[in-house]
Amino acid sequence: MLTLVIGLILFRQKFKQNQDDLREKRGNSSWKLRCFHNLSFGKEDIAEALQDKENVIGTGGSGKVYRVDLQNNVTVAVKQLCPMNMNNNKENGLSKLMKAEVDILGLIRHKNIVKLYCCLSNGNSNLLVYEYMQNGSLFDALHKTHKDKTSNGSGFYLDWPTRYKIALGAAHGLAYLHHDCSPPIVHRDVKSTNILLGEFFEAKIADFGIAKILQVGGGRDSITAFAGTHGYIAPEYAYSYRVTEKSDIYSFGVVLLELVTGKQPIEPEFGENNDIVYWISRKICTRQDALEVLDSRISKSYEEEMYQVLKIAVRCTYKLPAPRPRMREVIQMLLDADPCNFKTTEKEKKSKNTSIIIDSPARETQRKR
């Protein structure tokens, strides 16, 4: 009797495994493919690669990200969205996050925006296939310990010319969204985690899951759901729940502060419930104060260039949105601070110890009081 029971259990387990394998094969054969670029790989190549859990390179609230090395020496990144993010749209099976990303990235082409090759859907799983960015995110490059495999495992950090290149590249990507897309697009979650770095540290804006296409005719979307990441969110969002290009400008200013100080947006030294913008506003009154907050790992020969970018960051993070510069203005200011051709004027040299960093409207109001 016992032998019979054990046999039945084993039979049921084997039958269930066979059914699961059959469903998986059927699922793989019924992938719906939507392409945005010419592909050198097939949908089966992607589906098969996801069976190897060692390919997982990241896990987040929206799902897992896989690195997939294809036979034709092409490497791609595949985002597999969690089932809980899927809606009930039976027509295409796309999740809300996936649809937002596809609708936007499928329309745009820019060297500083991550390339979406295609999307795959089969009712059970939703996949987004991107170009693979070899050096990960800016956040990891700035704030996490890395080992450079090409130099016998020695650690490395980003020097100033590389940080400047990243800042300028990301600015170009955002300027394209704000000024060259019709209607304009706001990203709504600009942060160092969503700035990816290629083989030569070229910057590309990524993760458009909560981005918004602004209304035609100057209108703005009124957003009821929370958007953005703590430490990067513009102050006006807390009371208005409205997004404009100036919201992205503020978030980009926080990224610039990360680049010049080497600090994260939220750190214990800033004090409870305080962020890097508040910390900077309290730390810098004179030029010398400003120089003291710069990342000490960077050569002092770049102090002047870093100081100029710090001033840009302060302007981008004004408390009120109106005085913040537009993205094209930010690009021009960054070009003026290019470390390859930057020269300190005699006037700047003379005022080196007395000049005040650009004041925010909030600081000016405090001064009048």
Protein backbone atom coordinates (compact mmCIF):
# COMPACT_ATOMS: atom_id res chain seq x y z
CA MET A 1 0.00 0.00 0.00
CA LEU A 2 2.81 2.37 0.95
CA THR A 3 4.58 1.60 -2.31
CA LEU A 4 1.41 2.45 -4.24
CA VAL A 5 1.02 5.80 -2.46
CA ILE A 6 4.65 6.74 -3.10
CA GLY A 7 4.24 5.74 -6.73
CA LEU A 8 1.17 7.95 -7.11
CA ILE A 9 2.98 10.93 -5.56
CA LEU A 10 5.97 10.53 -7.86
CA PHE A 11 3.66 10.16 -10.85
CA ARG A 12 1.79 13.38 -9.99
CA GLN A 13 5.06 15.28 -9.54
CA LYS A 14 6.37 14.04 -12.89
CA PHE A 15 3.05 14.86 -14.60
CA LYS A 16 3.06 18.38 -13.13
CA GLN A 17 6.66 18.94 -14.26
CA ASN A 18 5.80 17.78 -17.79
CA GLN A 19 2.81 20.12 -17.87
CA ASP A 20 4.94 23.04 -16.68
CA ASP A 21 7.56 22.28 -19.34
CA LEU A 22 4.84 22.09 -21.98
CA ARG A 23 3.34 25.42 -20.92
CA GLU A 24 6.79 26.99 -20.96
CA LYS A 25 7.49 25.72 -24.47
CA ARG A 26 4.11 26.94 -25.68
CA GLY A 27 4.76 30.27 -24.02
CA ASN A 28 8.15 30.62 -25.69
CA SER A 29 6.65 29.79 -29.07
CA SER A 30 3.89 32.39 -28.70
CA TRP A 31 5.97 35.46 -27.92
CA LYS A 32 4.62 38.62 -29.50
CA LEU A 33 7.48 40.76 -30.75
CA ARG A 34 7.46 44.52 -31.30
CA CYS A 35 10.70 45.88 -32.78
CA PHE A 36 12.10 49.41 -32.79
CA HIS A 37 15.48 48.66 -34.41
CA ASN A 38 16.90 46.08 -36.79
CA LEU A 39 17.62 42.98 -34.73
CA SER A 40 20.48 40.52 -35.08
CA PHE A 41 18.83 38.04 -32.71
CA GLY A 42 15.53 36.21 -32.40
CA LYS A 43 12.91 36.14 -29.67
CA GLU A 44 13.80 32.53 -28.87
CA ASP A 45 17.38 33.59 -28.04
CA ILE A 46 16.08 35.99 -25.40
CA ALA A 47 13.52 33.59 -23.91
CA GLU A 48 16.05 30.78 -23.56
CA ALA A 49 18.65 33.00 -21.88
CA LEU A 50 16.21 33.91 -19.10
CA GLN A 51 16.20 30.30 -17.89
CA ASP A 52 19.71 30.81 -16.46
CA LYS A 53 19.39 32.60 -13.12
CA GLU A 54 23.11 33.43 -13.18
CA ASN A 55 22.32 36.03 -15.84
CA VAL A 56 20.43 38.19 -13.31
CA ILE A 57 22.32 41.47 -12.75
CA GLY A 58 19.69 43.43 -10.87
CA THR A 59 16.38 43.18 -9.06
CA GLY A 60 14.00 46.02 -8.30
CA GLY A 61 10.40 46.84 -7.57
CA SER A 62 9.41 46.46 -11.22
CA GLY A 63 11.16 43.15 -11.83
CA LYS A 64 14.50 41.56 -12.71
CA VAL A 65 17.18 42.65 -15.16
CA TYR A 66 19.23 40.04 -17.02
CA ARG A 67 22.47 40.29 -18.94
CA VAL A 68 22.12 38.19 -22.07
CA ASP A 69 25.20 37.31 -24.16
CA LEU A 70 24.05 36.29 -27.63
CA GLN A 71 25.91 34.09 -30.12
CA ASN A 72 26.67 36.97 -32.49
CA ASN A 73 28.83 38.76 -29.87
CA VAL A 74 25.94 41.07 -29.00
CA THR A 75 25.10 41.67 -25.34
CA VAL A 76 21.71 43.03 -24.31
CA ALA A 77 19.97 43.86 -21.05
CA VAL A 78 16.52 42.34 -20.57
CA LYS A 79 14.03 43.70 -18.05
CA GLN A 80 11.45 41.12 -17.01
CA LEU A 81 8.52 42.87 -15.35
CA CYS A 82 6.91 41.35 -12.27
CA PRO A 83 3.46 39.81 -12.82
CA MET A 84 2.03 42.13 -10.15
CA ASN A 85 2.74 45.05 -12.46
CA MET A 86 0.67 43.55 -15.27
CA ASN A 87 -2.74 45.00 -16.06
CA ASN A 88 -5.73 43.24 -17.56
CA ASN A 89 -5.26 44.43 -21.12
CA LYS A 90 -5.73 41.12 -22.94
CA GLU A 91 -5.07 42.70 -26.30
CA ASN A 92 -1.35 43.15 -25.80
CA GLY A 93 -0.62 41.82 -22.32
CA LEU A 94 1.65 44.77 -21.57
CA SER A 95 2.00 46.03 -18.02
CA LYS A 96 1.38 49.69 -17.29
CA LEU A 97 5.08 50.26 -16.69
CA MET A 98 6.01 48.46 -19.87
CA LYS A 99 3.45 50.34 -21.93
CA ALA A 100 4.72 53.70 -20.64
CA GLU A 101 8.30 52.77 -21.44
CA VAL A 102 7.45 51.36 -24.88
CA ASP A 103 5.26 54.31 -25.83
CA ILE A 104 8.09 56.74 -25.09
CA LEU A 105 11.28 54.88 -25.99
CA GLY A 106 9.65 53.56 -29.14
CA LEU A 107 9.30 57.15 -30.37
CA ILE A 108 12.66 58.68 -29.54
CA ARG A 109 16.19 58.32 -30.87
CA HIS A 110 19.14 60.00 -29.17
CA LYS A 111 22.69 58.96 -28.36
CA ASN A 112 22.21 59.91 -24.70
CA ILE A 113 19.01 57.92 -24.19
CA VAL A 114 19.20 54.16 -23.70
CA LYS A 115 18.19 52.23 -26.81
CA LEU A 116 15.15 49.96 -26.61
CA TYR A 117 15.58 47.20 -29.20
CA CYS A 118 12.24 45.47 -28.78
CA CYS A 119 9.58 44.27 -26.38
CA LEU A 120 8.23 40.75 -25.96
CA SER A 121 4.95 39.60 -24.45
CA ASN A 122 3.27 36.20 -24.19
CA GLY A 123 0.55 36.65 -21.59
CA ASN A 124 2.69 35.21 -18.78
CA SER A 125 5.71 37.46 -19.06
CA ASN A 126 6.62 40.91 -20.36
CA LEU A 127 10.16 41.67 -21.49
CA LEU A 128 11.96 44.84 -22.55
CA VAL A 129 15.24 44.35 -24.43
CA TYR A 130 17.77 47.20 -24.20
CA GLU A 131 21.31 47.86 -25.26
CA TYR A 132 23.68 46.69 -22.54
CA MET A 133 25.61 49.40 -20.67
CA GLN A 134 28.95 47.96 -19.60
CA ASN A 135 29.69 50.27 -16.67
CA GLY A 136 26.35 50.09 -14.92
CA SER A 137 24.74 53.10 -13.29
CA LEU A 138 26.25 56.41 -12.27
CA PHE A 139 25.11 55.75 -8.70
CA ASP A 140 27.17 52.56 -8.51
CA ALA A 141 30.18 54.21 -10.13
CA LEU A 142 30.09 57.09 -7.64
CA HIS A 143 28.99 55.49 -4.42
CA LYS A 144 29.80 51.79 -4.44
CA THR A 145 33.15 50.02 -4.22
CA HIS A 146 34.17 48.78 -7.66
CA LYS A 147 36.96 46.53 -8.81
CA ASP A 148 38.49 47.20 -12.18
CA LYS A 149 39.05 43.77 -13.71
CA THR A 150 41.41 45.20 -16.30
CA SER A 151 43.88 46.41 -13.68
CA ASN A 152 44.34 43.31 -11.54
CA GLY A 153 41.44 44.04 -9.25
CA SER A 154 42.52 47.48 -8.08
CA GLY A 155 39.76 49.87 -7.08
CA PHE A 156 38.89 52.90 -9.19
CA TYR A 157 36.88 56.09 -8.95
CA LEU A 158 35.60 58.56 -11.52
CA ASP A 159 37.98 61.44 -12.17
CA TRP A 160 36.63 64.92 -12.90
CA PRO A 161 36.88 64.87 -16.73
CA THR A 162 34.85 61.63 -16.70
CA ARG A 163 32.26 63.06 -14.30
CA TYR A 164 31.99 66.18 -16.44
CA LYS A 165 31.49 64.07 -19.56
CA ILE A 166 28.71 62.15 -17.81
CA ALA A 167 27.00 65.36 -16.66
CA LEU A 168 27.08 66.87 -20.14
CA GLY A 169 25.85 63.68 -21.80
CA ALA A 170 22.92 63.32 -19.40
CA ALA A 171 22.08 67.00 -19.91
CA HIS A 172 21.94 66.48 -23.68
CA GLY A 173 19.58 63.52 -23.21
CA LEU A 174 17.21 65.54 -21.01
CA ALA A 175 17.38 68.55 -23.34
CA TYR A 176 16.27 66.31 -26.20
CA LEU A 177 13.24 65.17 -24.18
CA HIS A 178 12.32 68.71 -23.11
CA HIS A 179 13.04 70.70 -26.25
CA ASP A 180 13.21 68.41 -29.28
CA CYS A 181 10.31 66.04 -28.66
CA SER A 182 6.85 67.20 -29.68
CA PRO A 183 5.05 67.23 -27.35
CA PRO A 184 7.78 67.51 -24.69
CA ILE A 185 8.53 64.59 -22.38
CA VAL A 186 9.36 64.81 -18.69
CA HIS A 187 11.20 61.87 -17.18
CA ARG A 188 9.91 62.35 -13.60
CA ASP A 189 12.56 60.10 -12.02
CA VAL A 190 15.93 61.61 -12.92
CA LYS A 191 18.56 60.20 -10.56
CA SER A 192 22.04 58.73 -10.69
CA THR A 193 20.60 55.20 -10.69
CA ASN A 194 18.79 55.98 -13.95
CA ILE A 195 21.87 57.35 -15.70
CA LEU A 196 23.66 54.39 -17.26
CA LEU A 197 27.28 54.34 -18.42
CA GLY A 198 28.62 52.73 -21.57
CA GLU A 199 32.02 51.24 -22.28
CA PHE A 200 33.69 54.66 -22.43
CA PHE A 201 31.48 56.19 -19.72
CA GLU A 202 29.11 57.82 -22.17
CA ALA A 203 25.92 58.65 -20.25
CA LYS A 204 22.44 57.53 -21.26
CA ILE A 205 19.12 58.29 -19.58
CA ALA A 206 17.17 55.12 -18.69
CA ASP A 207 13.98 53.87 -17.02
CA PHE A 208 11.01 55.67 -18.54
CA GLY A 209 8.41 53.65 -16.63
CA ILE A 210 6.84 56.75 -15.03
CA ALA A 211 7.74 59.34 -17.67
CA LYS A 212 4.99 61.60 -18.99
CA ILE A 213 4.29 63.12 -22.38
CA LEU A 214 3.13 66.66 -21.65
CA GLN A 215 -0.19 67.86 -23.01
CA VAL A 216 -0.26 69.80 -26.24
CA GLY A 217 -0.90 73.53 -25.94
CA GLY A 218 1.13 74.23 -22.85
CA GLY A 219 -1.00 72.23 -20.43
CA ARG A 220 0.52 70.04 -17.77
CA ASP A 221 -0.53 66.68 -16.45
CA SER A 222 -1.93 66.61 -12.95
CA ILE A 223 -0.49 63.53 -11.31
CA THR A 224 -2.26 61.83 -8.43
CA ALA A 225 0.23 58.98 -7.94
CA PHE A 226 3.56 59.53 -6.24
CA ALA A 227 6.45 59.82 -8.69
CA GLY A 228 10.16 60.17 -8.19
CA THR A 229 12.73 59.19 -5.59
CA HIS A 230 13.32 60.70 -2.15
CA GLY A 231 16.21 63.15 -2.29
CA TYR A 232 15.62 64.01 -5.94
CA ILE A 233 12.01 65.26 -5.88
CA ALA A 234 11.43 68.97 -6.49
CA PRO A 235 9.85 70.76 -3.48
CA GLU A 236 6.79 71.97 -5.42
CA TYR A 237 5.72 68.40 -6.15
CA ALA A 238 4.79 67.89 -2.49
CA TYR A 239 1.96 70.42 -2.65
CA SER A 240 1.05 70.58 -6.35
CA TYR A 241 1.45 67.01 -7.65
CA ARG A 242 2.13 68.65 -11.01
CA VAL A 243 5.12 67.92 -13.19
CA THR A 244 6.93 70.19 -15.63
CA GLU A 245 10.36 70.22 -17.20
CA LYS A 246 11.54 72.20 -14.15
CA SER A 247 10.90 69.11 -12.01
CA ASP A 248 13.52 67.24 -14.04
CA ILE A 249 15.86 70.25 -13.78
CA TYR A 250 15.75 70.06 -9.98
CA SER A 251 16.47 66.32 -10.01
CA PHE A 252 19.35 66.84 -12.44
CA GLY A 253 20.74 69.49 -10.10
CA VAL A 254 20.84 66.87 -7.35
CA VAL A 255 22.80 64.58 -9.68
CA LEU A 256 25.28 67.42 -10.28
CA LEU A 257 25.67 67.79 -6.51
CA GLU A 258 26.46 64.08 -6.32
CA LEU A 259 29.10 64.50 -9.01
CA VAL A 260 30.87 67.46 -7.40
CA THR A 261 30.67 66.30 -3.77
CA GLY A 262 30.81 62.52 -4.15
CA LYS A 263 27.98 62.27 -1.63
CA GLN A 264 24.60 60.58 -1.91
CA PRO A 265 21.37 62.63 -1.91
CA ILE A 266 20.55 61.37 1.60
CA GLU A 267 23.30 60.82 4.17
CA PRO A 268 23.32 60.77 8.00
CA GLU A 269 25.67 63.75 8.20
CA PHE A 270 23.00 65.98 6.62
CA GLY A 271 20.82 65.57 9.71
CA GLU A 272 17.44 63.94 10.21
CA ASN A 273 14.97 64.54 7.35
CA ASN A 274 17.54 66.64 5.46
CA ASP A 275 18.94 66.08 1.98
CA ILE A 276 22.01 67.16 0.03
CA VAL A 277 20.33 70.35 -1.25
CA TYR A 278 19.62 71.51 2.31
CA TRP A 279 23.14 70.52 3.40
CA ILE A 280 24.75 72.49 0.57
CA SER A 281 22.61 75.56 1.25
CA ARG A 282 23.83 75.58 4.86
CA LYS A 283 27.47 74.82 4.08
CA ILE A 284 28.34 77.38 1.40
CA CYS A 285 28.34 81.14 1.80
CA THR A 286 31.75 82.03 0.39
CA ARG A 287 33.88 80.58 -2.34
CA GLN A 288 36.15 78.95 0.23
CA ASP A 289 33.13 77.25 1.81
CA ALA A 290 32.19 75.91 -1.61
CA LEU A 291 35.65 74.51 -2.25
CA GLU A 292 35.51 72.59 1.01
CA VAL A 293 32.44 70.56 -0.05
CA LEU A 294 34.06 69.33 -3.28
CA ASP A 295 34.95 65.64 -3.48
CA SER A 296 38.39 65.37 -1.87
CA ARG A 297 39.30 62.41 -4.10
CA ILE A 298 39.47 64.71 -7.11
CA SER A 299 42.71 66.51 -7.95
CA LYS A 300 42.75 70.12 -6.74
CA SER A 301 43.80 71.13 -10.25
CA TYR A 302 40.09 70.80 -11.16
CA GLU A 303 38.78 72.95 -8.30
CA GLU A 304 37.75 75.85 -10.52
CA GLU A 305 35.85 73.67 -12.99
CA MET A 306 34.11 71.80 -10.16
CA TYR A 307 33.22 75.10 -8.51
CA GLN A 308 31.53 76.27 -11.70
CA VAL A 309 29.48 73.06 -11.91
CA LEU A 310 28.54 73.43 -8.24
CA LYS A 311 27.12 76.86 -9.04
CA ILE A 312 25.08 75.31 -11.86
CA ALA A 313 23.77 72.68 -9.45
CA VAL A 314 22.68 75.38 -7.00
CA ARG A 315 20.75 77.18 -9.74
CA CYS A 316 19.07 73.94 -10.81
CA THR A 317 17.94 73.24 -7.24
CA TYR A 318 16.33 76.59 -6.48
CA LYS A 319 13.34 76.05 -4.22
CA LEU A 320 10.99 77.83 -6.63
CA PRO A 321 10.73 76.32 -10.13
CA ALA A 322 10.51 79.56 -12.15
CA PRO A 323 14.14 80.74 -11.62
CA ARG A 324 15.61 77.34 -12.47
CA PRO A 325 17.33 77.33 -15.87
CA ARG A 326 15.98 75.35 -18.79
CA MET A 327 17.95 72.34 -19.96
CA ARG A 328 19.47 74.13 -22.95
CA GLU A 329 20.76 76.82 -20.60
CA VAL A 330 22.23 74.13 -18.37
CA ILE A 331 24.10 72.68 -21.34
CA GLN A 332 25.56 76.05 -22.23
CA MET A 333 26.70 76.62 -18.65
CA LEU A 334 28.28 73.16 -18.58
CA LEU A 335 30.09 73.86 -21.85
CA ASP A 336 31.52 77.00 -20.28
CA ALA A 337 32.90 74.81 -17.46
CA ASP A 338 34.58 72.29 -19.79
CA PRO A 339 37.82 71.16 -18.06
CA CYS A 340 39.49 70.78 -21.46
CA ASN A 341 39.42 74.50 -22.23
CA PHE A 342 38.49 76.18 -18.95
CA LYS A 343 40.68 79.10 -17.91
CA THR A 344 40.36 81.20 -14.79
CA THR A 345 40.13 84.91 -15.57
CA GLU A 346 42.19 87.48 -13.72
CA LYS A 347 39.02 88.85 -12.17
CA GLU A 348 38.13 85.44 -10.78
CA LYS A 349 41.63 84.98 -9.41
CA LYS A 350 41.45 88.29 -7.55
CA SER A 351 38.09 87.41 -6.01
CA LYS A 352 39.09 83.87 -5.14
CA ASN A 353 38.65 84.15 -1.38
CA THR A 354 35.74 86.60 -1.21
CA SER A 355 33.26 85.78 -3.97
CA ILE A 356 29.89 84.39 -2.96
CA ILE A 357 28.40 81.39 -4.67
CA ILE A 358 25.22 82.00 -6.69
CA ASP A 359 22.43 82.78 -4.23
CA SER A 360 19.09 81.07 -4.37
CA PRO A 361 15.88 83.09 -4.11
CA ALA A 362 15.25 81.38 -0.77
CA ARG A 363 18.59 82.59 0.61
CA GLU A 364 17.89 86.11 -0.68
CA THR A 365 14.50 86.09 1.07
CA GLN A 366 16.13 85.03 4.32
CA ARG A 367 18.66 87.83 3.96
CA LYS A 368 15.92 90.45 3.53
CA ARG A 369 14.17 89.18 6.63
